[in-house]
Protein backbone atom coordinates (compact mmCIF):
# COMPACT_ATOMS: atom_id res chain seq x y z
CA UNK A 1 24.97 24.36 9.45
CA UNK A 2 28.54 23.71 10.48
CA UNK A 3 31.15 21.68 8.62
CA UNK A 4 30.36 18.62 10.78
CA UNK A 5 26.67 18.81 9.88
CA UNK A 6 27.33 19.09 6.15
CA UNK A 7 29.87 16.27 6.30
CA UNK A 8 27.46 13.83 7.97
CA UNK A 9 24.43 14.95 5.94
CA UNK A 10 26.26 14.47 2.62
CA UNK A 11 27.45 11.02 3.68
CA UNK A 12 23.91 10.19 4.86
CA UNK A 13 22.23 11.13 1.58
CA UNK A 14 25.01 9.85 -0.70
CA UNK A 15 25.12 6.41 0.97
CA UNK A 16 21.33 6.17 0.84
CA UNK A 17 21.34 7.02 -2.87
CA UNK A 18 24.07 4.46 -3.55
CA UNK A 19 22.09 1.84 -1.62
CA UNK A 20 19.08 2.48 -3.84
CA UNK A 21 21.18 2.37 -7.02
CA UNK A 22 22.75 -0.88 -5.86
CA UNK A 23 19.72 -2.84 -4.72
CA UNK A 24 17.05 -1.73 -7.20
CA UNK A 25 18.90 -3.11 -10.27
CA UNK A 26 19.49 -6.33 -8.32
CA UNK A 27 15.78 -6.52 -7.54
CA UNK A 28 14.89 -5.92 -11.20
CA UNK A 29 17.35 -8.61 -12.32
CA UNK A 30 16.00 -11.18 -9.86
CA UNK A 31 12.37 -10.38 -10.76
CA UNK A 32 13.10 -10.54 -14.49
CA UNK A 33 14.92 -13.87 -14.14
CA UNK A 34 11.88 -15.26 -12.31
CA UNK A 35 9.25 -13.91 -14.73
CA UNK A 36 10.98 -13.90 -18.12
CA UNK A 37 9.39 -17.23 -19.04
CA UNK A 38 5.84 -15.97 -18.49
CA UNK A 39 6.64 -12.67 -20.20
CA UNK A 40 7.79 -14.51 -23.35
CA UNK A 41 5.01 -17.09 -23.12
CA UNK A 42 2.30 -14.42 -22.96
CA UNK A 43 4.03 -12.24 -25.60
CA UNK A 44 4.14 -9.09 -23.49
CA UNK A 45 5.21 -6.09 -25.66
CA UNK A 46 8.70 -4.74 -24.95
CA UNK A 47 7.47 -1.20 -24.22
CA UNK A 48 4.98 -2.52 -21.66
CA UNK A 49 7.69 -4.60 -20.00
CA UNK A 50 9.87 -1.47 -19.79
CA UNK A 51 7.05 0.54 -18.22
CA UNK A 52 6.35 -2.36 -15.84
CA UNK A 53 9.90 -2.24 -14.49
CA UNK A 54 9.79 1.53 -14.14
CA UNK A 55 6.64 1.07 -12.06
CA UNK A 56 8.33 -1.84 -10.26
CA UNK A 57 11.17 0.51 -9.25
CA UNK A 58 8.86 3.13 -7.74
CA UNK A 59 6.52 0.55 -6.17
CA UNK A 60 9.22 -1.36 -4.28
CA UNK A 61 11.39 1.66 -3.54
CA UNK A 62 8.37 3.10 -1.71
CA UNK A 63 7.84 -0.12 0.27
CA UNK A 64 11.50 -0.67 1.18
CA UNK A 65 12.63 2.94 1.57
CA UNK A 66 12.99 2.74 5.39
CA UNK A 67 15.00 -0.50 5.17
CA UNK A 68 17.37 0.88 2.51
CA UNK A 69 17.87 3.97 4.63
CA UNK A 70 18.44 1.95 7.80
CA UNK A 71 21.16 -0.17 6.20
CA UNK A 72 22.84 2.87 4.67
CA UNK A 73 22.92 4.64 8.07
CA UNK A 74 24.51 1.61 9.70
CA UNK A 75 27.02 1.30 6.85
CA UNK A 76 28.43 4.81 6.83
CA UNK A 77 28.13 5.39 10.60
CA UNK A 78 30.09 2.17 11.21
CA UNK A 79 32.79 3.48 8.88
CA UNK A 80 32.91 6.73 10.87
CA UNK A 81 33.22 4.72 14.10
CA UNK A 82 35.93 2.41 12.73
CA UNK A 83 37.94 5.43 11.58
CA UNK A 84 37.55 6.90 15.12
CA UNK A 85 35.91 9.98 13.58
CA UNK A 86 32.97 9.77 15.99
CA UNK A 87 35.35 9.63 18.96
CA UNK A 88 37.04 12.76 17.61
CA UNK A 89 33.69 14.54 17.22
CA UNK A 90 32.54 13.72 20.74
CA UNK A 91 35.98 14.44 22.27
CA UNK A 92 35.87 17.96 20.83
CA UNK A 93 32.93 18.78 23.08
CA UNK A 94 30.05 17.86 20.70
CA UNK A 95 27.24 16.16 22.60
CA UNK A 96 25.69 12.99 21.22
CA UNK A 97 22.39 14.82 20.72
CA UNK A 98 24.21 17.51 18.70
CA UNK A 99 25.99 14.77 16.73
CA UNK A 100 22.57 13.28 15.91
CA UNK A 101 21.18 16.54 14.48
CA UNK A 102 22.34 16.11 10.82
CA UNK A 103 20.93 12.58 10.86
CA UNK A 104 17.51 13.99 11.84
CA UNK A 105 17.79 16.61 9.07
CA UNK A 106 18.59 13.86 6.56
CA UNK A 107 15.75 11.70 7.87
CA UNK A 108 13.38 14.67 7.44
CA UNK A 109 14.39 15.04 3.78
CA UNK A 110 13.96 11.32 3.09
CA UNK A 111 10.67 11.22 5.04
CA UNK A 112 9.40 14.06 2.84
CA UNK A 113 10.36 12.00 -0.22
CA UNK A 114 8.59 8.95 1.23
CA UNK A 115 5.48 11.02 1.93
CA UNK A 116 5.43 12.35 -1.64
CA UNK A 117 5.97 8.86 -3.06
CA UNK A 118 3.22 7.33 -0.92
CA UNK A 119 0.68 10.07 -1.57
CA UNK A 120 1.13 10.57 -5.31
CA UNK A 121 3.79 8.60 -7.25
CA UNK A 122 3.38 5.14 -5.69
CA UNK A 123 -0.39 4.92 -6.50
CA UNK A 124 0.34 5.66 -10.18
CA UNK A 125 3.12 3.06 -10.20
CA UNK A 126 0.89 0.55 -8.39
CA UNK A 127 -1.79 0.91 -11.07
CA UNK A 128 0.59 0.05 -13.91
CA UNK A 129 2.43 -2.59 -11.89
CA UNK A 130 -0.72 -4.52 -10.96
CA UNK A 131 -2.37 -4.17 -14.37
CA UNK A 132 0.68 -5.68 -16.09
CA UNK A 133 1.00 -8.42 -13.46
CA UNK A 134 -2.56 -9.63 -13.84
CA UNK A 135 -2.62 -9.13 -17.61
CA UNK A 136 0.55 -11.07 -18.45
CA UNK A 137 1.87 -12.82 -15.34
CA UNK A 138 -1.21 -14.06 -13.45
CA UNK A 139 -3.83 -14.51 -16.13
CA UNK A 140 -5.74 -17.19 -14.25
CA UNK A 141 -5.81 -15.38 -10.91
CA UNK A 142 -8.90 -13.36 -10.07
CA UNK A 143 -8.37 -9.82 -8.87
CA UNK A 144 -12.05 -8.98 -8.62
CA UNK A 145 -14.85 -10.32 -6.49
CA UNK A 146 -17.20 -11.90 -9.00
CA UNK A 147 -19.42 -14.05 -6.76
CA UNK A 148 -22.01 -13.09 -4.18
CA UNK A 149 -21.34 -9.37 -4.53
CA UNK A 150 -23.49 -7.35 -2.14
CA UNK A 151 -22.99 -3.59 -2.08
CA UNK A 152 -24.63 -0.54 -0.55
CA UNK A 153 -24.54 2.07 -3.31
CA UNK A 154 -25.71 5.05 -1.27
CA UNK A 155 -27.85 5.73 1.79
CA UNK A 156 -30.96 4.26 0.14
CA UNK A 157 -29.92 1.69 -2.49
CA UNK A 158 -28.45 -1.82 -2.34
CA UNK A 159 -27.46 -4.24 -5.11
CA UNK A 160 -26.67 -7.95 -5.25
CA UNK A 161 -25.46 -10.37 -7.96
CA UNK A 162 -24.71 -14.03 -7.43
CA UNK A 163 -21.99 -13.93 -10.10
CA UNK A 164 -20.59 -11.42 -12.58
CA UNK A 165 -18.19 -11.77 -15.53
CA UNK A 166 -16.12 -8.57 -15.99
CA UNK A 167 -14.99 -9.67 -19.46
CA UNK A 168 -18.54 -10.21 -20.73
CA UNK A 169 -20.10 -7.52 -18.49
CA UNK A 170 -22.76 -10.07 -17.64
CA UNK A 171 -24.23 -11.12 -14.28
CA UNK A 172 -26.73 -13.60 -12.90
CA UNK A 173 -29.47 -13.30 -10.26
CA UNK A 174 -29.49 -9.54 -9.88
CA UNK A 175 -31.37 -7.71 -7.12
CA UNK A 176 -31.80 -3.98 -6.56
CA UNK A 177 -33.44 -2.60 -3.39
CA UNK A 178 -34.51 0.99 -2.70
CA UNK A 179 -35.29 2.18 0.84
CA UNK A 180 -36.62 5.43 2.20
CA UNK A 181 -35.67 5.51 5.85
CA UNK A 182 -36.28 1.99 7.11
CA UNK A 183 -39.08 1.31 4.65
CA UNK A 184 -38.53 -0.76 1.49
CA UNK A 185 -40.15 1.15 -1.40
CA UNK A 186 -39.37 -1.17 -4.27
CA UNK A 187 -37.29 -4.19 -5.18
CA UNK A 188 -36.13 -5.24 -8.66
CA UNK A 189 -35.27 -8.83 -9.60
CA UNK A 190 -33.71 -10.14 -12.82
CA UNK A 191 -32.34 -13.50 -13.85
CA UNK A 192 -29.56 -11.78 -15.82
CA UNK A 193 -28.02 -8.32 -16.11
CA UNK A 194 -25.77 -7.10 -18.93
CA UNK A 195 -24.02 -3.75 -19.31
CA UNK A 196 -24.70 -2.01 -22.66
CA UNK A 197 -21.78 0.24 -23.56
CA UNK A 198 -23.58 2.19 -26.32
CA UNK A 199 -25.79 4.10 -23.90
CA UNK A 200 -24.27 3.04 -20.51
CA UNK A 201 -27.47 1.23 -19.56
CA UNK A 202 -28.16 -2.23 -18.14
CA UNK A 203 -30.30 -4.87 -19.87
CA UNK A 204 -32.35 -6.96 -17.44
CA UNK A 205 -33.79 -10.32 -18.46
CA UNK A 206 -36.91 -11.72 -16.72
CA UNK A 207 -37.43 -8.35 -15.07
CA UNK A 208 -39.69 -8.15 -11.99
CA UNK A 209 -40.34 -5.03 -9.93
CA UNK A 210 -42.25 -5.14 -6.64
CA UNK A 211 -43.33 -1.71 -5.35
CA UNK A 212 -44.80 -0.97 -1.93
CA UNK A 213 -46.95 2.08 -1.20
CA UNK A 214 -48.90 2.37 2.06
CA UNK A 215 -49.12 -1.37 2.40
CA UNK A 216 -50.24 -1.87 -1.21
CA UNK A 217 -47.95 -4.05 -3.37
CA UNK A 218 -47.66 -3.56 -7.11
CA UNK A 219 -45.88 -6.06 -9.34
CA UNK A 220 -44.46 -5.18 -12.77
CA UNK A 221 -43.01 -7.82 -15.08
CA UNK A 222 -41.22 -7.68 -18.44
CA UNK A 223 -39.28 -10.25 -20.41
CA UNK A 224 -36.51 -7.75 -21.14
CA UNK A 225 -35.99 -4.20 -19.95
CA UNK A 226 -33.19 -1.63 -20.36
CA UNK A 227 -32.56 0.61 -17.36
CA UNK A 228 -30.04 3.16 -16.12
CA UNK A 229 -28.84 2.94 -12.54
CA UNK A 230 -26.84 5.26 -10.30
CA UNK A 231 -24.13 2.66 -9.61
CA UNK A 232 -21.02 2.12 -11.75
CA UNK A 233 -19.92 -1.12 -13.38
CA UNK A 234 -17.00 -1.22 -10.91
CA UNK A 235 -19.50 -1.54 -8.06
CA UNK A 236 -20.38 -5.00 -9.37
CA UNK A 237 -16.72 -6.03 -9.72
CA UNK A 238 -14.55 -4.41 -7.02
CA UNK A 239 -10.79 -4.71 -7.71
CA UNK A 240 -8.77 -6.10 -4.79
CA UNK A 241 -5.87 -3.66 -5.21
CA UNK A 242 -8.07 -0.59 -5.86
CA UNK A 243 -6.90 1.29 -2.75
CA UNK A 244 -3.23 1.05 -3.75
CA UNK A 245 -3.89 2.92 -6.99
CA UNK A 246 -5.46 6.05 -5.49
CA UNK A 247 -3.85 9.27 -4.30
CA UNK A 248 -4.48 10.14 -0.67
CA UNK A 249 -7.45 12.45 -1.28
CA UNK A 250 -9.14 9.98 -3.61
CA UNK A 251 -8.36 7.16 -1.19
CA UNK A 252 -10.21 8.89 1.66
CA UNK A 253 -13.30 9.31 -0.55
CA UNK A 254 -13.00 5.72 -1.77
CA UNK A 255 -12.86 4.32 1.78
CA UNK A 256 -15.91 6.32 2.85
CA UNK A 257 -17.84 5.09 -0.19
CA UNK A 258 -16.80 1.47 0.51
CA UNK A 259 -17.90 1.78 4.14
CA UNK A 260 -21.34 2.87 2.99
CA UNK A 261 -21.45 -0.14 0.66
CA UNK A 262 -20.53 -2.55 3.44
CA UNK A 263 -17.36 -3.71 1.66
CA UNK A 264 -15.54 -6.62 3.38
CA UNK A 265 -12.16 -5.13 2.37
CA UNK A 266 -12.20 -2.06 4.62
CA UNK A 267 -9.36 -3.43 6.76
CA UNK A 268 -7.13 -3.73 3.68
CA UNK A 269 -7.99 -0.22 2.53
CA UNK A 270 -7.34 1.26 5.98
CA UNK A 271 -3.92 -0.40 6.11
CA UNK A 272 -3.00 1.19 2.77
CA UNK A 273 -4.12 4.62 4.05
CA UNK A 274 -2.29 4.42 7.38
CA UNK A 275 0.94 3.18 5.82
CA UNK A 276 1.22 6.43 3.88
CA UNK A 277 1.90 8.09 7.26
CA UNK A 278 3.63 5.28 9.14
CA UNK A 279 6.43 4.79 6.59
CA UNK A 280 7.78 8.38 6.92
CA UNK A 281 7.66 8.05 10.74
CA UNK A 282 9.54 4.74 10.60
CA UNK A 283 12.39 6.52 8.78
CA UNK A 284 13.11 8.62 11.90
CA UNK A 285 12.86 5.59 14.18
CA UNK A 286 15.18 3.41 12.10
CA UNK A 287 17.65 6.28 11.65
CA UNK A 288 17.97 6.67 15.43
CA UNK A 289 18.35 2.92 15.91
CA UNK A 290 20.98 2.78 13.15
CA UNK A 291 23.04 5.60 14.70
CA UNK A 292 22.76 4.20 18.23
CA UNK A 293 23.84 0.72 17.12
CA UNK A 294 26.71 1.65 14.80
CA UNK A 295 28.24 4.71 16.48
CA UNK A 296 30.28 2.53 18.84
CA UNK A 297 33.50 0.96 17.57
CA UNK A 298 33.24 -2.80 18.08
CA UNK A 299 35.81 -5.57 18.05
CA UNK A 300 34.12 -7.32 15.14
CA UNK A 301 34.11 -4.13 13.07
CA UNK A 302 31.48 -3.14 10.54
CA UNK A 303 30.35 -6.72 9.98
CA UNK A 304 28.90 -7.00 13.49
CA UNK A 305 26.94 -3.77 13.07
CA UNK A 306 25.63 -4.83 9.66
CA UNK A 307 24.60 -8.25 10.98
CA UNK A 308 22.78 -6.64 13.89
CA UNK A 309 21.16 -4.10 11.56
CA UNK A 310 19.98 -6.73 9.07
CA UNK A 311 18.50 -8.76 11.95
CA UNK A 312 16.55 -5.73 13.20
CA UNK A 313 15.39 -4.95 9.66
CA UNK A 314 14.12 -8.51 9.18
CA UNK A 315 12.26 -8.42 12.50
CA UNK A 316 10.70 -5.06 11.58
CA UNK A 317 9.51 -6.38 8.20
CA UNK A 318 8.20 -9.55 9.88
CA UNK A 319 6.11 -7.58 12.39
CA UNK A 320 4.91 -5.20 9.69
CA UNK A 321 3.74 -8.01 7.40
CA UNK A 322 2.18 -10.17 10.14
CA UNK A 323 0.11 -7.36 11.62
CA UNK A 324 -0.83 -6.09 8.15
CA UNK A 325 -2.21 -9.51 7.14
CA UNK A 326 -4.09 -9.77 10.44
CA UNK A 327 -5.81 -6.43 9.78
CA UNK A 328 -6.67 -7.36 6.19
CA UNK A 329 -8.10 -10.79 6.93
CA UNK A 330 -9.67 -10.39 10.37
CA UNK A 331 -11.23 -7.83 12.69
CA UNK A 332 -7.85 -6.78 14.07
CA UNK A 333 -7.84 -2.93 14.20
CA UNK A 334 -5.82 -1.53 11.24
CA UNK A 335 -4.52 1.42 13.28
CA UNK A 336 -2.91 -0.98 15.78
CA UNK A 337 -1.61 -3.25 13.02
CA UNK A 338 0.12 -0.39 11.22
CA UNK A 339 1.43 1.62 14.17
CA UNK A 340 2.37 -1.16 16.63
CA UNK A 341 5.70 -2.00 14.86
CA UNK A 342 6.63 1.69 14.95
CA UNK A 343 5.68 1.89 18.63
CA UNK A 344 7.75 -1.16 19.58
CA UNK A 345 10.76 -0.06 17.56
CA UNK A 346 10.33 3.50 18.82
CA UNK A 347 10.74 2.21 22.39
CA UNK A 348 13.80 0.24 21.23
CA UNK A 349 15.21 3.39 19.60
CA UNK A 350 14.88 5.38 22.86
CA UNK A 351 16.55 2.58 24.84
CA UNK A 352 19.47 2.21 22.42
CA UNK A 353 19.90 5.98 22.20
CA UNK A 354 20.15 6.34 25.98
CA UNK A 355 22.78 3.58 26.08
CA UNK A 356 24.72 5.20 23.22
CA UNK A 357 24.78 8.53 25.05
CA UNK A 358 26.25 6.86 28.13
């Protein structure tokens, strides 16, 4: 790489790092000021609060990485433009595409970081972040489906409970169905079901089993019966944020298992999966937009570029959130919800880049 490339790349990465170091402490301070009352009220241990804010840093840095990068590109590129350094570069015979090369190299490095965060570090941080939040900050908010839980466990077995208490490991109106092909082989009913930790079994009260064999029905009844099933306790109480806490490989397996169970949260899980790829791509798109917008010296100076950049960032976040919620809470295709903002802003990036070249 030439001196020009190293100069721009160092400014790119240094400004991005400074932006992170500036805004993350501000975010922690604002969040702590908002939640300190609940933290003290619920007597959260100091070490857990410290770990929570470490997880908070990784969790939100992963979500806002493209925006931080976008603002940092606009900031230092505007300074180059105001100091007429860009004019000097282009006047020396460097094409705009060649001038853009170190930005793409920097975007590649940051996209690699975003990919690593999304695939591995962010799920770990999300686990600790959400566990603390619902343990100490949102004690009365349910994070698990505990009513009318209907799940397909595998290709042949289905379970249902009308209600389940995770704390007591106790459920009401339990049903277990076993099929072979399209034929129901047996069906188990129980007024109550309780998980027994000692031997990982389930205690059924008012147990009834109806078996079907060549058109002959057999009924078995017991007042109380202990049984072992192939499903896990988590199948009765799915956690809403489960997908966020899994690495990419585990997430793919989790989504396939949830599809077999007929989970109503597939849209949410698909959004989490697709964002692991869309965020790194958005870094390239926002980098190009940032360079195209701020490489021209304007009468209003850096303030105009920053105002324009912040407006674009807000619109991007707005589209990203709106489409994400639509995919999670309706039948809107997750792949369109996640990639449409990148597509729209990618078209904008090409348009602005062509104008900047001219």
